[in-house]
Amino acid sequence: MSNVMLQESNQPPEDRRLPNLARESYMKEYAAAALARQFPTREQFDAFYSLLTDEQKDELLRVGSYYLFLVKQGDWHVDVDNSNPVVDYITNSFKLVSLFSLIESMSGERHQDFYDWLQCHPDKVFPIPDRAALEVLHEQYKSTFGSIRRCVAFFERLAPSRQAELLKVVTFNQQPAKSIKHVAQFLYNLRSKFVHEGEFVLDLASLPVMSQHKNAITMTSLSMDTLLEIFEEGVVAQFRHPT
């Protein structure tokens, strides 16, 4: 992958505009391997691919290849005495970060942090009288421009049957999730705890896991492999029904 990136500066302008499509001969193989569970035959993948615009093909090749290398066939290896080379909760933590990075990258929206968002609305938000008012503004930012909104939108593209399943895999104080947004936020928060606080993602496992998150006792029955399949479904849905 690194050699591919180093060659990009020498490409003609049309190739730089669609750099992945310029390498379609092998990038398409990566994308097909990444999404193989969604297409029973190679012919079905090719038929799906043929309906995309060149810009969509370039994006699918990017997402598919990165997902294949970083997540589906990518594990975090350690070289430590008396340790397995791959430890589930360590590699799952990095995989979850990569998954949400890819989800955010597919939204097509430019990232804007909270401070920049505030600066775009000076007459409406300043002065900020107290911490409570700041919290209200932060919630508005997250619902209108924050990363979590883009992630929620990805999960909302899933088939209704898959969304119904997801509502059951995480319970909060013995109650199922209220909405698909609730599940997406829970998974995103697991990612954020690892990124910002160094807490490993322990909730994604082959067996149900009980934990405490904020004021709720949670029970999670979701394996990383199932989450990967859900991600693949979401990718296909996004390219089939772009908005």
Protein backbone atom coordinates (compact mmCIF):
# COMPACT_ATOMS: atom_id res chain seq x y z
CA MET A 1 0.00 0.00 0.00
CA SER A 2 2.82 2.46 0.83
CA ASN A 3 4.44 2.00 -2.61
CA VAL A 4 1.10 2.79 -4.20
CA MET A 5 0.90 6.08 -2.30
CA LEU A 6 4.48 7.09 -3.13
CA GLN A 7 3.79 6.79 -6.84
CA GLU A 8 0.83 9.17 -6.77
CA SER A 9 2.84 12.38 -7.23
CA ASN A 10 4.08 11.16 -10.63
CA GLN A 11 0.64 10.48 -12.03
CA PRO A 12 -0.94 12.56 -14.80
CA PRO A 13 -3.72 14.97 -13.68
CA GLU A 14 -6.59 12.65 -14.61
CA ASP A 15 -5.05 9.86 -12.53
CA ARG A 16 -4.57 12.13 -9.53
CA ARG A 17 -8.26 13.04 -9.66
CA LEU A 18 -9.27 9.36 -9.50
CA PRO A 19 -6.12 7.70 -8.14
CA ASN A 20 -7.75 4.42 -7.13
CA LEU A 21 -9.56 3.96 -10.42
CA ALA A 22 -6.21 4.46 -12.17
CA ARG A 23 -5.10 1.26 -10.41
CA GLU A 24 -8.34 -0.58 -11.01
CA SER A 25 -6.63 -3.75 -12.23
CA TYR A 26 -5.65 -4.74 -8.68
CA MET A 27 -7.64 -2.35 -6.49
CA LYS A 28 -10.83 -3.95 -7.78
CA GLU A 29 -9.56 -7.32 -6.56
CA TYR A 30 -9.07 -5.84 -3.09
CA ALA A 31 -12.59 -4.38 -3.07
CA ALA A 32 -14.11 -7.65 -4.28
CA ALA A 33 -12.30 -9.57 -1.52
CA ALA A 34 -13.39 -7.01 1.09
CA LEU A 35 -17.07 -7.31 0.15
CA ALA A 36 -17.15 -11.00 -0.81
CA ARG A 37 -19.77 -11.85 1.84
CA GLN A 38 -22.21 -9.42 0.24
CA PHE A 39 -22.00 -10.97 -3.23
CA PRO A 40 -22.34 -14.78 -3.53
CA THR A 41 -20.55 -14.74 -6.90
CA ARG A 42 -17.91 -12.54 -8.51
CA GLU A 43 -20.34 -11.87 -11.34
CA GLN A 44 -22.75 -10.24 -8.90
CA PHE A 45 -20.02 -7.97 -7.55
CA ASP A 46 -19.00 -7.03 -11.10
CA ALA A 47 -22.61 -6.22 -11.98
CA PHE A 48 -22.90 -3.98 -8.90
CA TYR A 49 -19.60 -2.29 -9.72
CA SER A 50 -20.54 -1.67 -13.36
CA LEU A 51 -23.50 0.51 -12.32
CA LEU A 52 -21.32 2.99 -10.42
CA THR A 53 -20.00 6.26 -11.81
CA ASP A 54 -16.24 6.67 -12.14
CA GLU A 55 -16.21 8.82 -8.99
CA GLN A 56 -18.14 6.16 -7.09
CA LYS A 57 -15.86 3.42 -8.37
CA ASP A 58 -12.83 5.37 -7.17
CA GLU A 59 -14.38 5.77 -3.73
CA LEU A 60 -15.44 2.12 -3.49
CA LEU A 61 -11.92 1.01 -4.40
CA ARG A 62 -10.50 3.27 -1.68
CA VAL A 63 -12.91 2.12 1.01
CA GLY A 64 -12.71 -1.55 0.04
CA SER A 65 -8.92 -1.72 -0.08
CA TYR A 66 -8.40 0.24 3.15
CA TYR A 67 -10.99 -1.90 4.91
CA LEU A 68 -9.36 -5.11 3.65
CA PHE A 69 -5.87 -4.13 4.82
CA LEU A 70 -6.73 -2.23 8.02
CA VAL A 71 -9.61 -4.29 9.36
CA LYS A 72 -10.83 -7.44 7.64
CA GLN A 73 -7.40 -8.98 7.08
CA GLY A 74 -5.50 -6.63 9.36
CA ASP A 75 -4.62 -7.50 12.97
CA TRP A 76 -2.56 -5.67 15.53
CA HIS A 77 0.43 -7.89 16.33
CA VAL A 78 2.51 -7.70 19.50
CA ASP A 79 5.96 -9.13 20.16
CA VAL A 80 5.92 -9.59 23.92
CA ASP A 81 7.12 -12.56 25.94
CA ASN A 82 4.34 -14.80 27.26
CA SER A 83 1.72 -13.13 25.08
CA ASN A 84 -0.15 -14.30 22.02
CA PRO A 85 0.89 -12.34 18.91
CA VAL A 86 -2.75 -11.26 18.38
CA VAL A 87 -4.84 -10.35 21.43
CA ASP A 88 -8.54 -10.05 20.62
CA TYR A 89 -9.40 -6.96 22.63
CA ILE A 90 -6.28 -5.11 21.46
CA THR A 91 -6.76 -5.81 17.77
CA ASN A 92 -10.53 -5.15 18.08
CA SER A 93 -9.83 -1.74 19.60
CA PHE A 94 -7.77 -0.70 16.59
CA LYS A 95 -10.26 -2.23 14.17
CA LEU A 96 -13.14 -0.26 15.68
CA VAL A 97 -11.20 2.99 15.28
CA SER A 98 -10.49 2.14 11.63
CA LEU A 99 -14.12 1.24 10.96
CA PHE A 100 -15.41 4.55 12.23
CA SER A 101 -12.67 6.44 10.39
CA LEU A 102 -13.85 4.83 7.14
CA ILE A 103 -17.50 5.55 7.95
CA GLU A 104 -16.71 9.21 8.57
CA SER A 105 -14.61 9.44 5.41
CA MET A 106 -17.51 8.20 3.27
CA SER A 107 -19.83 11.02 4.33
CA GLY A 108 -18.25 13.48 1.90
CA GLU A 109 -18.48 16.29 4.45
CA ARG A 110 -15.49 18.36 5.47
CA HIS A 111 -14.63 17.96 9.13
CA GLN A 112 -15.31 21.00 11.32
CA ASP A 113 -14.37 20.98 14.97
CA PHE A 114 -16.51 22.46 17.72
CA TYR A 115 -14.53 25.70 18.00
CA ASP A 116 -14.73 26.36 14.24
CA TRP A 117 -18.46 25.63 14.36
CA LEU A 118 -18.92 28.20 17.12
CA GLN A 119 -16.98 30.78 15.11
CA CYS A 120 -19.42 30.34 12.22
CA HIS A 121 -22.31 31.49 14.43
CA PRO A 122 -20.84 34.30 16.59
CA ASP A 123 -24.02 36.38 16.84
CA LYS A 124 -26.05 33.40 18.02
CA VAL A 125 -23.69 31.79 20.51
CA PHE A 126 -21.54 34.51 22.11
CA PRO A 127 -21.30 35.28 24.90
CA ILE A 128 -21.72 31.83 26.42
CA PRO A 129 -23.05 32.49 29.93
CA ASP A 130 -22.21 29.24 31.69
CA ARG A 131 -21.20 25.60 31.37
CA ALA A 132 -24.83 24.48 30.93
CA ALA A 133 -25.20 26.74 27.90
CA LEU A 134 -21.92 25.39 26.49
CA GLU A 135 -23.22 21.83 26.87
CA VAL A 136 -26.38 22.75 24.97
CA LEU A 137 -24.29 24.19 22.14
CA HIS A 138 -22.10 21.10 22.07
CA GLU A 139 -25.16 18.87 21.70
CA GLN A 140 -26.37 21.06 18.84
CA TYR A 141 -22.97 20.77 17.17
CA LYS A 142 -22.96 16.97 17.47
CA SER A 143 -26.47 16.68 16.03
CA THR A 144 -25.81 18.99 13.07
CA PHE A 145 -22.13 18.64 12.19
CA GLY A 146 -20.34 16.31 14.56
CA SER A 147 -18.73 13.02 13.60
CA ILE A 148 -21.37 11.06 15.46
CA ARG A 149 -24.10 12.36 13.13
CA ARG A 150 -22.31 10.96 10.10
CA CYS A 151 -21.89 7.62 11.85
CA VAL A 152 -25.55 7.48 12.85
CA ALA A 153 -26.54 8.18 9.23
CA PHE A 154 -24.43 5.19 8.11
CA PHE A 155 -26.25 2.81 10.48
CA GLU A 156 -29.62 4.25 9.46
CA ARG A 157 -28.94 3.08 5.90
CA LEU A 158 -28.96 -0.55 7.00
CA ALA A 159 -31.91 -2.76 6.12
CA PRO A 160 -34.78 -2.53 8.65
CA SER A 161 -34.28 -6.19 9.60
CA ARG A 162 -30.61 -5.56 10.44
CA GLN A 163 -31.48 -2.46 12.43
CA ALA A 164 -34.02 -4.49 14.41
CA GLU A 165 -31.32 -7.05 15.22
CA LEU A 166 -28.94 -4.34 16.40
CA LEU A 167 -31.52 -2.95 18.81
CA LYS A 168 -31.39 -6.28 20.62
CA VAL A 169 -27.62 -6.82 20.81
CA VAL A 170 -27.05 -4.03 23.34
CA THR A 171 -29.22 -3.58 26.43
CA PHE A 172 -29.09 -0.67 28.83
CA ASN A 173 -30.21 -1.46 32.38
CA GLN A 174 -31.85 -4.62 30.99
CA GLN A 175 -33.77 -2.63 28.37
CA PRO A 176 -33.11 -2.86 24.61
CA ALA A 177 -31.70 0.14 22.79
CA LYS A 178 -34.30 2.80 22.03
CA SER A 179 -33.17 3.42 18.46
CA ILE A 180 -30.45 2.67 15.95
CA LYS A 181 -28.99 6.06 16.88
CA HIS A 182 -28.61 4.80 20.45
CA VAL A 183 -26.62 1.76 19.23
CA ALA A 184 -24.43 3.84 16.90
CA GLN A 185 -23.64 6.27 19.70
CA PHE A 186 -22.76 3.41 22.04
CA LEU A 187 -20.31 1.91 19.52
CA TYR A 188 -18.85 5.33 18.73
CA ASN A 189 -18.33 5.97 22.42
CA LEU A 190 -16.40 2.68 22.72
CA ARG A 191 -14.15 3.95 19.93
CA SER A 192 -13.73 7.33 21.62
CA LYS A 193 -12.86 5.81 24.99
CA PHE A 194 -9.97 3.98 23.33
CA VAL A 195 -8.82 6.97 21.26
CA HIS A 196 -8.99 9.58 24.00
CA GLU A 197 -8.59 7.62 27.23
CA GLY A 198 -6.72 4.48 26.22
CA GLU A 199 -9.51 2.13 27.34
CA PHE A 200 -9.51 -1.09 25.34
CA VAL A 201 -12.72 -2.15 23.62
CA LEU A 202 -13.81 -5.15 25.69
CA ASP A 203 -17.50 -5.16 24.78
CA LEU A 204 -17.12 -6.72 21.31
CA ALA A 205 -16.57 -10.42 21.88
CA SER A 206 -17.82 -13.88 20.96
CA LEU A 207 -19.64 -14.11 24.31
CA PRO A 208 -22.01 -11.56 25.92
CA VAL A 209 -20.18 -8.88 27.91
CA MET A 210 -21.58 -6.93 30.85
CA SER A 211 -20.12 -3.48 31.50
CA GLN A 212 -20.95 -0.13 33.01
CA HIS A 213 -21.06 2.94 30.77
CA LYS A 214 -21.90 6.22 32.45
CA ASN A 215 -25.04 5.50 34.50
CA ALA A 216 -26.11 2.36 32.64
CA ILE A 217 -25.31 -1.32 33.06
CA THR A 218 -24.92 -2.66 29.53
CA MET A 219 -25.01 -6.16 28.12
CA THR A 220 -23.46 -6.48 24.67
CA SER A 221 -23.90 -9.56 22.46
CA LEU A 222 -22.03 -8.42 19.37
CA SER A 223 -18.86 -9.97 17.97
CA MET A 224 -16.34 -8.11 15.86
CA ASP A 225 -17.03 -10.46 12.95
CA THR A 226 -20.73 -9.58 13.02
CA LEU A 227 -19.89 -5.88 13.19
CA LEU A 228 -17.66 -6.28 10.13
CA GLU A 229 -20.51 -7.91 8.23
CA ILE A 230 -22.77 -5.02 9.24
CA PHE A 231 -20.16 -2.55 8.01
CA GLU A 232 -19.96 -4.34 4.67
CA GLU A 233 -23.76 -4.20 4.34
CA GLY A 234 -23.65 -0.49 5.10
CA VAL A 235 -20.99 0.14 2.46
CA VAL A 236 -23.03 -1.60 -0.23
CA ALA A 237 -26.18 0.24 0.86
CA GLN A 238 -24.40 3.59 0.67
CA PHE A 239 -23.24 3.00 -2.89
CA ARG A 240 -26.57 1.60 -4.00
CA HIS A 241 -28.54 4.49 -2.55
CA PRO A 242 -26.28 7.56 -2.42
CA THR A 243 -27.77 10.81 -1.15
